[in-house]
């Protein structure tokens, strides 16, 4: 499957007045990305600390990483996660060929910050890592 920025650009998320930078690997197809969204092209998606440093040096104070198990595992191995947003859905999906996070990962006990039940029955959980904030984020 080809890498592509296949998003619903009409979603309210992308209409935010907040300045948004989308990080894409060089191999990803960025066709259709609205001009209001900055695109940062990267060649190495395994070494994520320099990518986050570039975002923070560019004036960002918060970084939200959306992705699957491979992205999460890479961030966790590099101890780059401050908080984890975890959604439990009332669906039974998936298979054993694609684990939630390829291991092994460092064991960490997370602290629950909040739990909320959404209208659709999803449970939205927010956890903080033991180190709290890894990056000098502005408040």
N, C-alpha and C. Protein backbone atom coordinates (compact mmCIF):
# COMPACT_ATOMS: atom_id res chain seq x y z
N UNK A 1 0.85 -1.18 0.00
CA UNK A 1 0.00 0.00 0.00
C UNK A 1 0.89 1.24 0.00
N UNK A 2 0.58 2.19 -0.82
CA UNK A 2 1.37 3.42 -0.93
C UNK A 2 1.08 4.35 0.24
N UNK A 3 2.11 5.08 0.64
CA UNK A 3 1.93 6.11 1.66
C UNK A 3 1.22 7.29 1.04
N UNK A 4 0.20 7.78 1.70
CA UNK A 4 -0.48 8.95 1.18
C UNK A 4 -1.15 9.70 2.32
N UNK A 5 -1.34 10.98 2.10
CA UNK A 5 -2.04 11.82 3.06
C UNK A 5 -3.52 11.79 2.67
N UNK A 6 -4.17 10.70 3.01
CA UNK A 6 -5.55 10.47 2.61
C UNK A 6 -6.47 10.83 3.77
N UNK A 7 -6.76 12.12 3.90
CA UNK A 7 -7.58 12.62 5.00
C UNK A 7 -8.83 13.28 4.45
N UNK A 8 -9.83 13.41 5.31
CA UNK A 8 -11.01 14.19 4.98
C UNK A 8 -10.70 15.64 5.31
N UNK A 9 -10.27 16.38 4.30
CA UNK A 9 -9.84 17.76 4.52
C UNK A 9 -10.99 18.69 4.89
N UNK A 10 -12.26 18.22 4.80
CA UNK A 10 -13.40 19.04 5.20
C UNK A 10 -13.70 18.90 6.69
N UNK A 11 -13.01 17.99 7.37
CA UNK A 11 -13.22 17.77 8.80
C UNK A 11 -12.91 19.05 9.58
N UNK A 12 -13.67 19.32 10.65
CA UNK A 12 -13.41 20.50 11.48
C UNK A 12 -11.98 20.54 12.02
N UNK A 13 -11.35 19.38 12.21
CA UNK A 13 -9.97 19.35 12.71
C UNK A 13 -9.05 20.17 11.81
N UNK A 14 -9.19 20.01 10.49
CA UNK A 14 -8.31 20.69 9.54
C UNK A 14 -8.70 22.15 9.35
N UNK A 15 -9.88 22.55 9.85
CA UNK A 15 -10.34 23.92 9.71
C UNK A 15 -9.95 24.76 10.92
N UNK A 16 -9.21 24.19 11.84
CA UNK A 16 -8.81 24.85 13.07
C UNK A 16 -8.02 26.13 12.78
N UNK A 17 -8.24 27.18 13.60
CA UNK A 17 -7.43 28.39 13.43
C UNK A 17 -5.98 28.18 13.89
N UNK A 18 -5.74 27.07 14.58
CA UNK A 18 -4.39 26.75 15.03
C UNK A 18 -3.53 26.40 13.82
N UNK A 19 -2.30 26.85 13.83
CA UNK A 19 -1.36 26.55 12.74
C UNK A 19 -1.05 25.05 12.76
N UNK A 20 -1.27 24.37 11.65
CA UNK A 20 -1.08 22.93 11.56
C UNK A 20 0.07 22.62 10.62
N UNK A 21 0.96 21.75 11.07
CA UNK A 21 2.03 21.23 10.22
C UNK A 21 1.85 19.73 10.14
N UNK A 22 1.77 19.22 8.94
CA UNK A 22 1.63 17.80 8.69
C UNK A 22 3.01 17.25 8.32
N UNK A 23 3.47 16.26 9.07
CA UNK A 23 4.76 15.64 8.80
C UNK A 23 4.53 14.41 7.93
N UNK A 24 5.18 14.40 6.78
CA UNK A 24 5.02 13.30 5.84
C UNK A 24 6.39 12.77 5.41
N UNK A 25 6.50 11.45 5.27
CA UNK A 25 7.74 10.92 4.70
C UNK A 25 7.85 11.35 3.24
N UNK A 26 9.08 11.46 2.75
CA UNK A 26 9.29 11.86 1.36
C UNK A 26 8.53 10.98 0.39
N UNK A 27 8.32 9.73 0.75
CA UNK A 27 7.65 8.79 -0.15
C UNK A 27 6.13 8.96 -0.19
N UNK A 28 5.58 9.76 0.71
CA UNK A 28 4.12 9.91 0.78
C UNK A 28 3.61 10.85 -0.29
N UNK A 29 2.44 10.54 -0.80
CA UNK A 29 1.77 11.39 -1.77
C UNK A 29 1.02 12.47 -1.01
N UNK A 30 1.44 13.71 -1.16
CA UNK A 30 0.81 14.81 -0.45
C UNK A 30 -0.18 15.57 -1.31
N UNK A 31 -0.63 14.96 -2.40
CA UNK A 31 -1.59 15.63 -3.27
C UNK A 31 -2.87 15.92 -2.50
N UNK A 32 -3.39 17.10 -2.69
CA UNK A 32 -4.66 17.47 -2.08
C UNK A 32 -4.55 18.14 -0.73
N UNK A 33 -3.34 18.25 -0.18
CA UNK A 33 -3.19 18.91 1.12
C UNK A 33 -3.51 20.40 0.93
N UNK A 34 -4.45 20.93 1.70
CA UNK A 34 -4.81 22.35 1.55
C UNK A 34 -3.61 23.27 1.78
N UNK A 35 -3.60 24.40 1.10
CA UNK A 35 -2.49 25.35 1.21
C UNK A 35 -2.35 25.92 2.62
N UNK A 36 -3.41 25.90 3.41
CA UNK A 36 -3.37 26.45 4.77
C UNK A 36 -2.58 25.55 5.73
N UNK A 37 -2.25 24.34 5.30
CA UNK A 37 -1.53 23.38 6.14
C UNK A 37 -0.10 23.28 5.67
N UNK A 38 0.85 23.53 6.58
CA UNK A 38 2.26 23.38 6.26
C UNK A 38 2.61 21.91 6.20
N UNK A 39 3.49 21.56 5.29
CA UNK A 39 3.95 20.18 5.17
C UNK A 39 5.44 20.14 5.42
N UNK A 40 5.84 19.29 6.36
CA UNK A 40 7.25 19.06 6.65
C UNK A 40 7.60 17.69 6.10
N UNK A 41 8.47 17.63 5.11
CA UNK A 41 8.90 16.38 4.51
C UNK A 41 10.10 15.85 5.27
N UNK A 42 10.09 14.56 5.57
CA UNK A 42 11.21 13.95 6.29
C UNK A 42 11.65 12.69 5.56
N UNK A 43 12.94 12.39 5.68
CA UNK A 43 13.46 11.19 5.03
C UNK A 43 13.54 10.02 6.00
N UNK A 44 13.78 10.29 7.27
CA UNK A 44 13.96 9.22 8.25
C UNK A 44 12.84 9.26 9.27
N UNK A 45 11.92 8.31 9.18
CA UNK A 45 10.81 8.28 10.12
C UNK A 45 11.10 7.41 11.33
N UNK A 46 12.30 6.82 11.39
CA UNK A 46 12.65 6.00 12.56
C UNK A 46 13.23 6.85 13.67
N UNK A 47 14.03 7.87 13.34
CA UNK A 47 14.64 8.73 14.35
C UNK A 47 13.74 9.96 14.51
N UNK A 48 12.80 9.87 15.45
CA UNK A 48 11.75 10.88 15.55
C UNK A 48 12.12 12.11 16.38
N UNK A 49 13.12 12.00 17.27
CA UNK A 49 13.49 13.15 18.11
C UNK A 49 13.88 14.37 17.29
N UNK A 50 14.71 14.24 16.25
CA UNK A 50 15.04 15.43 15.46
C UNK A 50 13.82 16.04 14.75
N UNK A 51 12.88 15.21 14.37
CA UNK A 51 11.67 15.72 13.73
C UNK A 51 10.87 16.55 14.73
N UNK A 52 10.72 16.04 15.96
CA UNK A 52 10.00 16.81 16.99
C UNK A 52 10.77 18.07 17.34
N UNK A 53 12.10 17.99 17.39
CA UNK A 53 12.91 19.19 17.64
C UNK A 53 12.67 20.26 16.58
N UNK A 54 12.59 19.85 15.31
CA UNK A 54 12.33 20.81 14.23
C UNK A 54 10.99 21.48 14.40
N UNK A 55 9.98 20.72 14.81
CA UNK A 55 8.66 21.31 15.04
C UNK A 55 8.71 22.31 16.19
N UNK A 56 9.36 21.94 17.28
CA UNK A 56 9.43 22.82 18.44
C UNK A 56 10.29 24.05 18.15
N UNK A 57 11.38 23.87 17.40
CA UNK A 57 12.20 25.02 17.00
C UNK A 57 11.43 25.96 16.09
N UNK A 58 10.45 25.44 15.39
CA UNK A 58 9.62 26.25 14.50
C UNK A 58 8.50 26.98 15.23
N UNK A 59 8.52 26.94 16.56
CA UNK A 59 7.54 27.68 17.34
C UNK A 59 6.35 26.88 17.82
N UNK A 60 6.32 25.60 17.52
CA UNK A 60 5.21 24.76 18.01
C UNK A 60 5.40 24.52 19.51
N UNK A 61 4.30 24.42 20.21
CA UNK A 61 4.37 24.13 21.65
C UNK A 61 3.71 22.80 21.99
N UNK A 62 2.97 22.26 21.06
CA UNK A 62 2.32 20.96 21.26
C UNK A 62 2.40 20.15 19.97
N UNK A 63 2.64 18.87 20.13
CA UNK A 63 2.72 17.97 18.98
C UNK A 63 1.79 16.80 19.24
N UNK A 64 0.89 16.54 18.31
CA UNK A 64 -0.01 15.40 18.37
C UNK A 64 0.43 14.42 17.29
N UNK A 65 0.77 13.21 17.69
CA UNK A 65 1.18 12.18 16.74
C UNK A 65 0.03 11.20 16.59
N UNK A 66 -0.48 11.09 15.39
CA UNK A 66 -1.56 10.17 15.07
C UNK A 66 -0.99 9.06 14.20
N UNK A 67 -1.20 7.84 14.57
CA UNK A 67 -0.70 6.75 13.76
C UNK A 67 -1.03 5.42 14.39
N UNK A 68 -0.46 4.40 13.84
CA UNK A 68 -0.72 3.04 14.30
C UNK A 68 0.36 2.54 15.25
N UNK A 69 0.39 1.22 15.38
CA UNK A 69 1.29 0.58 16.31
C UNK A 69 2.77 0.84 16.04
N UNK A 70 3.13 0.92 14.77
CA UNK A 70 4.54 1.13 14.44
C UNK A 70 5.02 2.52 14.90
N UNK A 71 4.20 3.56 14.68
CA UNK A 71 4.56 4.90 15.12
C UNK A 71 4.61 4.94 16.65
N UNK A 72 3.60 4.39 17.31
CA UNK A 72 3.58 4.39 18.77
C UNK A 72 4.81 3.67 19.33
N UNK A 73 5.14 2.50 18.79
CA UNK A 73 6.29 1.74 19.28
C UNK A 73 7.58 2.52 19.11
N UNK A 74 7.74 3.18 17.98
CA UNK A 74 8.94 3.96 17.72
C UNK A 74 9.05 5.12 18.72
N UNK A 75 7.95 5.82 18.95
CA UNK A 75 7.95 6.92 19.93
C UNK A 75 8.24 6.40 21.34
N UNK A 76 7.64 5.27 21.70
CA UNK A 76 7.83 4.70 23.05
C UNK A 76 9.27 4.27 23.26
N UNK A 77 9.87 3.61 22.26
CA UNK A 77 11.26 3.16 22.40
C UNK A 77 12.21 4.33 22.59
N UNK A 78 11.88 5.46 22.00
CA UNK A 78 12.72 6.65 22.10
C UNK A 78 12.31 7.55 23.27
N UNK A 79 11.35 7.08 24.07
CA UNK A 79 10.85 7.82 25.24
C UNK A 79 10.40 9.23 24.86
N UNK A 80 9.62 9.32 23.80
CA UNK A 80 9.15 10.61 23.29
C UNK A 80 7.67 10.84 23.55
N UNK A 81 7.07 10.05 24.39
CA UNK A 81 5.63 10.18 24.65
C UNK A 81 5.41 10.82 26.01
N UNK A 82 4.67 11.92 26.01
CA UNK A 82 4.28 12.58 27.25
C UNK A 82 2.95 12.03 27.74
N UNK A 83 2.01 11.97 26.81
CA UNK A 83 0.66 11.51 27.13
C UNK A 83 0.21 10.55 26.05
N UNK A 84 -0.66 9.64 26.44
CA UNK A 84 -1.22 8.66 25.52
C UNK A 84 -2.74 8.79 25.56
N UNK A 85 -3.33 9.01 24.41
CA UNK A 85 -4.78 9.02 24.28
C UNK A 85 -5.17 7.67 23.71
N UNK A 86 -5.98 6.94 24.42
CA UNK A 86 -6.33 5.58 24.04
C UNK A 86 -7.83 5.46 23.96
N UNK A 87 -8.34 4.95 22.86
CA UNK A 87 -9.78 4.81 22.66
C UNK A 87 -10.15 3.35 22.64
N UNK A 88 -11.12 2.99 23.48
CA UNK A 88 -11.67 1.64 23.49
C UNK A 88 -13.01 1.72 22.78
N UNK A 89 -13.15 0.93 21.71
CA UNK A 89 -14.37 0.96 20.93
C UNK A 89 -15.16 -0.33 21.11
N UNK A 90 -16.48 -0.26 20.97
CA UNK A 90 -17.30 -1.46 21.12
C UNK A 90 -17.33 -2.30 19.84
N UNK A 91 -16.16 -2.55 19.28
CA UNK A 91 -16.02 -3.36 18.07
C UNK A 91 -14.99 -4.44 18.32
N UNK A 92 -15.19 -5.56 17.72
CA UNK A 92 -14.20 -6.63 17.77
C UNK A 92 -13.63 -6.76 16.36
N UNK A 93 -12.42 -6.18 16.16
CA UNK A 93 -11.80 -6.12 14.84
C UNK A 93 -10.34 -6.51 14.92
N UNK A 94 -9.72 -6.74 13.77
CA UNK A 94 -8.29 -6.96 13.71
C UNK A 94 -7.92 -8.42 13.59
N UNK A 95 -6.63 -8.65 13.58
CA UNK A 95 -6.12 -10.01 13.54
C UNK A 95 -4.76 -10.05 14.22
N UNK A 96 -4.21 -11.24 14.37
CA UNK A 96 -2.95 -11.36 15.11
C UNK A 96 -1.74 -11.02 14.26
N UNK A 97 -1.91 -10.74 12.98
CA UNK A 97 -0.79 -10.40 12.12
C UNK A 97 -0.30 -8.97 12.35
N UNK A 98 -1.14 -8.10 12.87
CA UNK A 98 -0.77 -6.70 13.08
C UNK A 98 -1.02 -6.35 14.55
N UNK A 99 0.01 -6.48 15.39
CA UNK A 99 -0.19 -6.14 16.81
C UNK A 99 -0.39 -4.64 16.99
N UNK A 100 -0.99 -4.27 18.12
CA UNK A 100 -1.23 -2.86 18.42
C UNK A 100 0.08 -2.09 18.45
N UNK A 101 1.11 -2.69 19.00
CA UNK A 101 2.44 -2.07 19.03
C UNK A 101 3.49 -3.17 18.96
N UNK A 102 4.27 -3.21 17.88
CA UNK A 102 5.29 -4.24 17.77
C UNK A 102 6.27 -4.13 18.93
N UNK A 103 6.60 -5.23 19.54
CA UNK A 103 7.46 -5.20 20.71
C UNK A 103 8.88 -5.51 20.36
N UNK A 104 9.75 -5.56 21.34
CA UNK A 104 9.42 -5.28 22.75
C UNK A 104 9.46 -3.79 23.04
N UNK A 105 8.64 -3.38 23.96
CA UNK A 105 8.59 -1.98 24.40
C UNK A 105 9.01 -1.90 25.86
N UNK A 106 9.56 -0.75 26.25
CA UNK A 106 9.90 -0.59 27.67
C UNK A 106 8.63 -0.59 28.52
N UNK A 107 8.67 -1.30 29.64
CA UNK A 107 7.52 -1.34 30.54
C UNK A 107 7.40 0.00 31.26
N UNK A 108 6.22 0.57 31.23
CA UNK A 108 5.95 1.82 31.93
C UNK A 108 4.56 1.76 32.52
N UNK A 109 4.43 2.17 33.76
CA UNK A 109 3.12 2.30 34.39
C UNK A 109 2.64 3.71 34.12
N UNK A 110 1.50 3.85 33.43
CA UNK A 110 0.97 5.16 33.08
C UNK A 110 -0.05 5.60 34.13
N UNK A 111 -0.20 6.91 34.27
CA UNK A 111 -1.17 7.48 35.22
C UNK A 111 -2.39 7.97 34.45
N UNK A 112 -3.57 7.53 34.87
CA UNK A 112 -4.80 7.95 34.23
C UNK A 112 -5.08 9.42 34.56
N UNK A 113 -5.27 10.23 33.52
CA UNK A 113 -5.59 11.64 33.68
C UNK A 113 -7.10 11.85 33.58
N UNK A 114 -7.72 11.16 32.59
CA UNK A 114 -9.16 11.31 32.43
C UNK A 114 -9.73 10.11 31.69
N UNK A 115 -11.02 9.91 31.90
CA UNK A 115 -11.78 8.85 31.21
C UNK A 115 -13.15 9.42 30.91
N UNK A 116 -13.60 9.19 29.69
CA UNK A 116 -14.89 9.74 29.27
C UNK A 116 -15.57 8.74 28.33
N UNK A 117 -16.88 8.62 28.47
CA UNK A 117 -17.64 7.78 27.56
C UNK A 117 -18.30 8.69 26.54
N UNK A 118 -17.99 8.46 25.26
CA UNK A 118 -18.55 9.27 24.17
C UNK A 118 -19.96 8.80 23.86
N UNK A 119 -20.70 9.62 23.13
CA UNK A 119 -22.07 9.29 22.76
C UNK A 119 -22.19 7.98 22.00
N UNK A 120 -21.16 7.62 21.24
CA UNK A 120 -21.22 6.39 20.44
C UNK A 120 -20.76 5.16 21.21
N UNK A 121 -20.47 5.33 22.50
CA UNK A 121 -20.06 4.20 23.33
C UNK A 121 -18.55 4.01 23.42
N UNK A 122 -17.78 4.78 22.64
CA UNK A 122 -16.33 4.72 22.77
C UNK A 122 -15.92 5.22 24.16
N UNK A 123 -14.86 4.64 24.70
CA UNK A 123 -14.31 5.11 25.96
C UNK A 123 -13.00 5.81 25.63
N UNK A 124 -12.91 7.07 25.99
CA UNK A 124 -11.75 7.90 25.68
C UNK A 124 -10.89 8.01 26.94
N UNK A 125 -9.70 7.44 26.88
CA UNK A 125 -8.80 7.42 28.02
C UNK A 125 -7.58 8.30 27.72
N UNK A 126 -7.13 9.01 28.73
CA UNK A 126 -5.95 9.86 28.58
C UNK A 126 -5.00 9.54 29.73
N UNK A 127 -3.78 9.17 29.37
CA UNK A 127 -2.76 8.78 30.35
C UNK A 127 -1.53 9.66 30.23
N UNK A 128 -0.80 9.80 31.33
CA UNK A 128 0.48 10.51 31.34
C UNK A 128 1.58 9.49 31.60
N UNK A 129 2.71 9.66 30.93
CA UNK A 129 3.84 8.77 31.15
C UNK A 129 4.53 9.13 32.46
N UNK A 130 5.37 8.24 33.02
CA UNK A 130 6.05 8.54 34.29
C UNK A 130 6.91 9.79 34.24
N UNK A 131 7.47 10.09 33.08
CA UNK A 131 8.34 11.28 32.98
C UNK A 131 7.57 12.58 32.82
N UNK A 132 6.24 12.49 32.69
CA UNK A 132 5.45 13.70 32.50
C UNK A 132 5.67 14.28 31.13
N UNK A 133 6.26 15.45 31.05
CA UNK A 133 6.55 16.07 29.76
C UNK A 133 8.00 15.83 29.37
N UNK A 134 8.19 15.30 28.20
CA UNK A 134 9.53 15.02 27.70
C UNK A 134 10.14 16.24 27.03
N UNK A 135 9.31 17.14 26.55
CA UNK A 135 9.78 18.26 25.76
C UNK A 135 9.45 19.56 26.48
N UNK A 136 10.21 20.60 26.26
CA UNK A 136 9.94 21.89 26.92
C UNK A 136 8.76 22.59 26.27
N UNK A 137 7.58 22.04 26.52
CA UNK A 137 6.38 22.57 25.89
C UNK A 137 5.89 23.82 26.61
N UNK A 138 5.44 24.81 25.84
CA UNK A 138 4.88 26.00 26.43
C UNK A 138 3.50 25.74 26.98
N UNK A 139 3.09 26.52 27.88
CA UNK A 139 1.75 26.36 28.49
C UNK A 139 0.77 27.32 27.90
